[in-house]
Amino acid sequence: MDKYVHHILSEAPASFVYKMIRKKNIVLNDKKALGNEILHEGDNIKFYLSDETFEKFTKNASSCDIVHDIPPIVYEDEDIIIVNKPAGMLSQKSSADSVSLNEILLSYVNNSKSDDGMISTFTPAVCNRLDRNTSGLVTFAKTYKGSRCLYAAFADHRIKKYYNCIVKGVVHKEMDLAGSLIKSEKINKVRVYNDTGSGKYINTRVYPISSNNELSLLEILLVTGKTHQIRAHLASVGHPLIGDYKYGDKRLNDEYKRRYGINHQMLVCRKMEFADDFEIKSVSGKEFEIELPHEFSEVI
């Protein structure tokens, strides 16, 4: 794989190539790679790099197709888009070299516009974010009206977000978890406290679906939406997510990585419910739900 990537990015230093592979800006078959994999016919390598960076390090960029796949669109009207973001894709840029869902959808919207001579001062953008390795529903505002309505509804909890996750241990009953969260910017990690006065207030509601002696499949209603809230909150009560190396059980994660190839936290934003008074009538009172990702089905 690394030889193939060096062939494509022929002007890039080796240190840049290996850094991009390590940071998952270059992935093999939608999974993190080491670079020493043997390639086979039908394998897929994706470069999550800006067009400028790609062209800078490619002798003849026109010989390669620069394609940013648009994630499955669950719903679209004149004001908003709802998409199913895959794990491994950033919601918004983390650096100048990265490509995110925001840029992909912005390009999609701009290419879809009719040239009516109107100059807009509004820039379409993602309105709710998911962690890079969390998949599921993300909203995108195409217009100022869409942005205003989405941000207001998220702030007022008039859009309910339900997640599914697979966690360590057996969860027998519903839990309404409240506490506070403090984030360390230096290590991009949060700490959860049981009291509600130490940091930002968080509220996570947990509904068990099924379990065996080792794992539980849960539905989560995210009442507040803070950085790593679900991952850290569940870990704080002894039920870390499978595949979550930042907050979870390394031994168990290694086992499921070996058995099923799980290389990211088992967490998906699966359902959104819009309140009856949502201003955009085409989605007012509606519910949008996606299928569980294939790796969930395999583990279940």
Protein backbone atom coordinates (compact mmCIF):
# COMPACT_ATOMS: atom_id res chain seq x y z
CA MET A 1 0.00 0.00 0.00
CA ASP A 2 2.68 2.53 0.96
CA LYS A 3 4.44 2.03 -2.41
CA TYR A 4 1.18 2.70 -4.22
CA VAL A 5 0.51 5.84 -2.17
CA HIS A 6 4.08 7.05 -2.81
CA HIS A 7 3.43 6.51 -6.52
CA ILE A 8 0.32 8.70 -6.39
CA LEU A 9 1.81 11.35 -4.07
CA SER A 10 5.14 11.27 -5.87
CA GLU A 11 6.15 14.78 -4.75
CA ALA A 12 5.37 14.23 -1.07
CA PRO A 13 8.08 13.41 1.48
CA ALA A 14 7.84 9.95 3.03
CA SER A 15 7.25 11.50 6.45
CA PHE A 16 4.09 13.21 5.16
CA VAL A 17 2.75 10.01 3.60
CA TYR A 18 3.23 7.95 6.77
CA LYS A 19 1.80 10.74 8.92
CA MET A 20 -1.35 10.85 6.77
CA ILE A 21 -1.69 7.04 6.96
CA ARG A 22 -1.17 7.12 10.74
CA LYS A 23 -3.74 9.91 11.19
CA LYS A 24 -6.27 8.07 8.97
CA ASN A 25 -6.27 10.78 6.31
CA ILE A 26 -5.37 7.94 3.94
CA VAL A 27 -7.38 4.75 4.53
CA LEU A 28 -7.65 1.32 2.94
CA ASN A 29 -11.15 -0.09 2.39
CA ASP A 30 -12.51 2.55 4.82
CA LYS A 31 -10.29 1.30 7.65
CA LYS A 32 -7.07 2.50 9.24
CA ALA A 33 -4.03 1.02 7.56
CA LEU A 34 -0.38 0.49 8.46
CA GLY A 35 0.95 0.91 4.92
CA ASN A 36 2.46 -2.57 4.61
CA GLU A 37 -0.75 -4.24 3.41
CA ILE A 38 -0.67 -6.22 0.16
CA LEU A 39 -3.13 -4.68 -2.29
CA HIS A 40 -5.61 -6.77 -4.25
CA GLU A 41 -7.91 -6.06 -7.15
CA GLY A 42 -10.98 -4.21 -5.90
CA ASP A 43 -9.26 -2.60 -2.90
CA ASN A 44 -10.19 1.02 -2.28
CA ILE A 45 -7.82 3.73 -1.05
CA LYS A 46 -9.31 7.06 0.01
CA PHE A 47 -7.32 10.27 0.43
CA TYR A 48 -8.92 12.68 2.91
CA LEU A 49 -6.76 15.58 1.74
CA SER A 50 -7.64 19.00 0.41
CA ASP A 51 -7.57 19.35 -3.36
CA GLU A 52 -4.72 21.86 -2.97
CA THR A 53 -2.59 19.40 -0.98
CA PHE A 54 -3.38 16.55 -3.35
CA GLU A 55 -2.43 18.61 -6.40
CA LYS A 56 0.73 19.93 -4.71
CA PHE A 57 2.10 16.43 -4.14
CA THR A 58 0.91 14.90 -7.43
CA LYS A 59 2.90 15.42 -10.65
CA ASN A 60 -0.15 15.04 -12.82
CA ALA A 61 -3.28 15.48 -10.74
CA SER A 62 -5.48 15.25 -13.82
CA SER A 63 -4.43 11.61 -14.24
CA CYS A 64 -6.12 10.76 -10.95
CA ASP A 65 -9.79 11.18 -10.18
CA ILE A 66 -10.20 13.51 -7.21
CA VAL A 67 -13.50 12.22 -5.90
CA HIS A 68 -15.05 12.96 -2.53
CA ASP A 69 -17.90 10.50 -2.07
CA ILE A 70 -21.09 12.10 -0.84
CA PRO A 71 -22.42 10.04 2.10
CA PRO A 72 -25.94 8.62 1.69
CA ILE A 73 -28.51 11.43 1.73
CA VAL A 74 -31.39 10.50 4.04
CA TYR A 75 -33.43 13.64 3.38
CA GLU A 76 -33.09 16.85 1.35
CA ASP A 77 -35.25 19.90 0.65
CA GLU A 78 -34.52 23.50 -0.32
CA ASP A 79 -33.27 24.38 3.19
CA ILE A 80 -31.60 21.35 4.80
CA ILE A 81 -29.89 18.03 4.12
CA ILE A 82 -29.67 15.03 6.46
CA VAL A 83 -26.90 12.55 5.65
CA ASN A 84 -25.57 9.30 7.05
CA LYS A 85 -21.91 10.08 7.84
CA PRO A 86 -19.60 7.06 7.78
CA ALA A 87 -17.12 6.35 10.55
CA GLY A 88 -13.69 7.72 9.67
CA MET A 89 -14.93 10.99 8.16
CA LEU A 90 -14.54 14.33 9.94
CA SER A 91 -17.65 16.44 10.39
CA GLN A 92 -15.59 19.62 10.04
CA LYS A 93 -11.97 20.35 9.14
CA SER A 94 -9.35 19.66 11.80
CA SER A 95 -6.45 21.04 9.75
CA ALA A 96 -5.74 22.73 6.44
CA ASP A 97 -4.88 19.36 4.88
CA SER A 98 -8.04 17.53 5.91
CA VAL A 99 -11.28 17.12 3.99
CA SER A 100 -14.49 16.89 5.96
CA LEU A 101 -18.19 16.24 5.47
CA ASN A 102 -18.70 20.00 5.57
CA GLU A 103 -16.53 20.60 2.49
CA ILE A 104 -18.00 17.64 0.61
CA LEU A 105 -21.58 18.85 1.15
CA LEU A 106 -20.64 22.46 0.45
CA SER A 107 -19.22 21.37 -2.91
CA TYR A 108 -22.34 19.28 -3.56
CA VAL A 109 -24.67 22.21 -2.83
CA ASN A 110 -22.62 24.68 -4.86
CA ASN A 111 -22.55 22.32 -7.85
CA SER A 112 -26.31 21.82 -7.58
CA LYS A 113 -27.18 25.51 -7.57
CA SER A 114 -28.64 27.13 -10.65
CA ASP A 115 -26.75 30.20 -11.82
CA ASP A 116 -29.37 32.85 -11.19
CA GLY A 117 -26.95 35.72 -10.74
CA MET A 118 -27.77 36.07 -7.06
CA ILE A 119 -24.92 36.71 -4.63
CA SER A 120 -25.42 35.03 -1.26
CA THR A 121 -23.75 36.15 1.94
CA PHE A 122 -24.64 32.86 3.64
CA THR A 123 -22.27 29.88 3.59
CA PRO A 124 -23.98 26.47 3.94
CA ALA A 125 -22.58 24.39 6.79
CA VAL A 126 -22.93 21.34 9.04
CA CYS A 127 -25.17 22.11 12.05
CA ASN A 128 -24.42 19.16 14.34
CA ARG A 129 -21.17 17.26 14.60
CA LEU A 130 -20.21 13.68 15.27
CA ASP A 131 -16.79 12.42 16.32
CA ARG A 132 -14.67 11.29 13.39
CA ASN A 133 -15.15 7.62 14.27
CA THR A 134 -18.85 7.89 15.12
CA SER A 135 -21.23 7.25 12.24
CA GLY A 136 -24.78 8.36 11.67
CA LEU A 137 -27.12 11.26 11.07
CA VAL A 138 -25.75 14.76 10.53
CA THR A 139 -27.72 17.84 9.50
CA PHE A 140 -26.52 20.43 7.00
CA ALA A 141 -28.07 23.85 6.36
CA LYS A 142 -28.30 24.91 2.71
CA THR A 143 -29.88 28.28 3.51
CA TYR A 144 -29.87 30.87 6.28
CA LYS A 145 -33.41 29.78 7.17
CA GLY A 146 -32.27 26.17 7.48
CA SER A 147 -29.31 27.18 9.67
CA ARG A 148 -31.41 29.37 11.96
CA CYS A 149 -34.08 26.69 12.41
CA LEU A 150 -31.64 23.83 13.02
CA TYR A 151 -29.43 25.67 15.51
CA ALA A 152 -32.45 26.97 17.43
CA ALA A 153 -34.07 23.52 17.56
CA PHE A 154 -30.89 21.82 18.75
CA ALA A 155 -30.45 24.49 21.45
CA ASP A 156 -34.07 24.08 22.61
CA HIS A 157 -33.95 20.24 22.47
CA ARG A 158 -36.67 20.18 19.79
CA ILE A 159 -34.60 17.74 17.77
CA LYS A 160 -34.06 14.51 19.69
CA LYS A 161 -30.98 12.46 18.78
CA TYR A 162 -30.98 8.74 19.51
CA TYR A 163 -27.82 6.65 19.33
CA ASN A 164 -27.10 2.93 19.38
CA CYS A 165 -23.94 1.54 20.89
CA ILE A 166 -22.42 -1.75 22.00
CA VAL A 167 -20.79 -1.62 25.42
CA LYS A 168 -18.89 -3.79 27.85
CA GLY A 169 -20.94 -5.55 30.53
CA VAL A 170 -24.60 -6.23 31.16
CA VAL A 171 -27.06 -3.34 31.42
CA HIS A 172 -30.35 -4.62 32.88
CA LYS A 173 -32.35 -1.44 33.39
CA GLU A 174 -32.85 2.07 32.10
CA MET A 175 -30.51 4.74 33.44
CA ASP A 176 -30.89 8.51 33.52
CA LEU A 177 -27.30 9.66 33.98
CA ALA A 178 -26.55 13.22 35.07
CA GLY A 179 -23.21 14.76 35.90
CA SER A 180 -20.64 17.25 34.72
CA LEU A 181 -17.88 17.12 32.17
CA ILE A 182 -14.50 18.85 31.97
CA LYS A 183 -12.44 18.69 28.78
CA SER A 184 -8.65 18.72 28.55
CA GLU A 185 -7.79 20.46 25.27
CA LYS A 186 -4.20 19.29 25.55
CA ILE A 187 -5.03 15.59 25.20
CA ASN A 188 -8.53 15.94 23.67
CA LYS A 189 -10.08 13.89 26.44
CA VAL A 190 -12.85 14.58 28.94
CA ARG A 191 -13.46 13.61 32.55
CA VAL A 192 -16.92 12.97 33.95
CA TYR A 193 -17.96 13.79 37.52
CA ASN A 194 -21.07 12.53 39.27
CA ASP A 195 -21.89 15.94 40.72
CA THR A 196 -23.35 18.63 38.46
CA GLY A 197 -21.25 21.56 39.62
CA SER A 198 -17.71 20.70 38.49
CA GLY A 199 -17.97 21.56 34.79
CA LYS A 200 -20.48 21.50 31.94
CA TYR A 201 -23.77 19.79 32.83
CA ILE A 202 -24.47 16.56 30.94
CA ASN A 203 -27.53 14.31 30.79
CA THR A 204 -27.51 10.90 29.08
CA ARG A 205 -30.51 8.54 29.06
CA VAL A 206 -29.78 4.85 28.54
CA TYR A 207 -32.26 2.21 27.33
CA PRO A 208 -31.07 -1.44 27.19
CA ILE A 209 -32.12 -3.43 24.12
CA SER A 210 -30.36 -6.77 24.56
CA SER A 211 -27.30 -8.30 26.18
CA ASN A 212 -25.34 -11.47 26.84
CA ASN A 213 -22.81 -12.17 29.57
CA GLU A 214 -20.21 -9.87 28.00
CA LEU A 215 -21.86 -7.09 25.98
CA SER A 216 -25.00 -4.96 25.83
CA LEU A 217 -26.70 -3.24 22.90
CA LEU A 218 -28.11 0.10 24.05
CA GLU A 219 -30.20 2.97 22.77
CA ILE A 220 -29.08 6.38 24.03
CA LEU A 221 -31.07 9.60 24.09
CA LEU A 222 -28.57 12.43 24.11
CA VAL A 223 -30.26 15.15 26.14
CA THR A 224 -27.19 17.41 26.19
CA GLY A 225 -24.54 17.21 23.51
CA LYS A 226 -20.99 17.69 24.77
CA THR A 227 -17.62 16.45 23.51
CA HIS A 228 -17.30 12.64 23.87
CA GLN A 229 -20.32 12.69 26.21
CA ILE A 230 -21.71 9.23 25.48
CA ARG A 231 -18.29 7.58 25.39
CA ALA A 232 -17.05 9.12 28.64
CA HIS A 233 -20.37 8.97 30.52
CA LEU A 234 -20.88 5.25 29.89
CA ALA A 235 -17.24 4.50 30.68
CA SER A 236 -17.63 6.34 34.00
CA VAL A 237 -20.35 3.87 35.09
CA GLY A 238 -18.40 0.79 34.00
CA HIS A 239 -19.80 0.30 30.49
CA PRO A 240 -17.24 1.63 27.97
CA LEU A 241 -17.95 1.31 24.26
CA ILE A 242 -16.45 -1.57 22.33
CA GLY A 243 -13.71 -0.26 20.05
CA ASP A 244 -13.12 2.90 22.09
CA TYR A 245 -9.43 2.92 22.96
CA LYS A 246 -9.55 6.39 24.51
CA TYR A 247 -12.09 5.55 27.25
CA GLY A 248 -12.52 1.80 26.97
CA ASP A 249 -11.13 -1.64 27.80
CA LYS A 250 -8.01 -2.30 25.71
CA ARG A 251 -8.07 -6.06 26.20
CA LEU A 252 -11.70 -6.37 25.10
CA ASN A 253 -11.16 -3.91 22.24
CA ASP A 254 -8.19 -5.94 20.99
CA GLU A 255 -10.29 -9.09 21.08
CA TYR A 256 -13.10 -7.58 19.00
CA LYS A 257 -10.61 -6.01 16.63
CA ARG A 258 -9.10 -9.47 16.08
CA ARG A 259 -12.45 -11.22 15.70
CA TYR A 260 -14.44 -8.64 13.74
CA GLY A 261 -11.99 -5.99 12.54
CA ILE A 262 -13.55 -3.36 14.82
CA ASN A 263 -11.21 -0.35 14.77
CA HIS A 264 -13.47 2.43 16.03
CA GLN A 265 -16.02 2.95 18.79
CA MET A 266 -19.30 1.12 18.25
CA LEU A 267 -21.49 4.21 18.25
CA VAL A 268 -23.99 5.43 15.66
CA CYS A 269 -26.47 8.33 15.67
CA ARG A 270 -29.32 6.26 14.30
CA LYS A 271 -32.46 8.35 14.71
CA MET A 272 -33.60 11.99 14.79
CA GLU A 273 -37.04 13.21 15.83
CA PHE A 274 -38.18 16.71 14.86
CA ALA A 275 -40.69 18.46 17.12
CA ASP A 276 -44.17 19.24 15.82
CA ASP A 277 -43.43 22.98 15.98
CA PHE A 278 -40.26 22.83 13.88
CA GLU A 279 -40.40 25.84 11.58
CA ILE A 280 -39.60 23.96 8.37
CA LYS A 281 -42.92 22.21 7.84
CA SER A 282 -41.57 19.52 5.51
CA VAL A 283 -39.78 17.88 8.46
CA SER A 284 -41.94 19.11 11.35
CA GLY A 285 -43.07 16.16 13.46
CA LYS A 286 -41.09 13.68 11.37
CA GLU A 287 -38.63 10.97 12.36
CA PHE A 288 -35.59 9.86 10.37
CA GLU A 289 -33.92 6.53 11.06
CA ILE A 290 -31.12 4.55 9.40
CA GLU A 291 -30.08 0.91 9.49
CA LEU A 292 -27.39 -0.21 11.90
CA PRO A 293 -23.91 -0.31 10.30
CA HIS A 294 -22.78 -3.74 9.09
CA GLU A 295 -20.20 -4.11 11.87
CA PHE A 296 -22.99 -3.80 14.45
CA SER A 297 -24.91 -6.60 12.77
CA GLU A 298 -21.83 -8.82 12.73
CA VAL A 299 -21.10 -8.33 16.44
CA ILE A 300 -24.78 -8.66 17.41
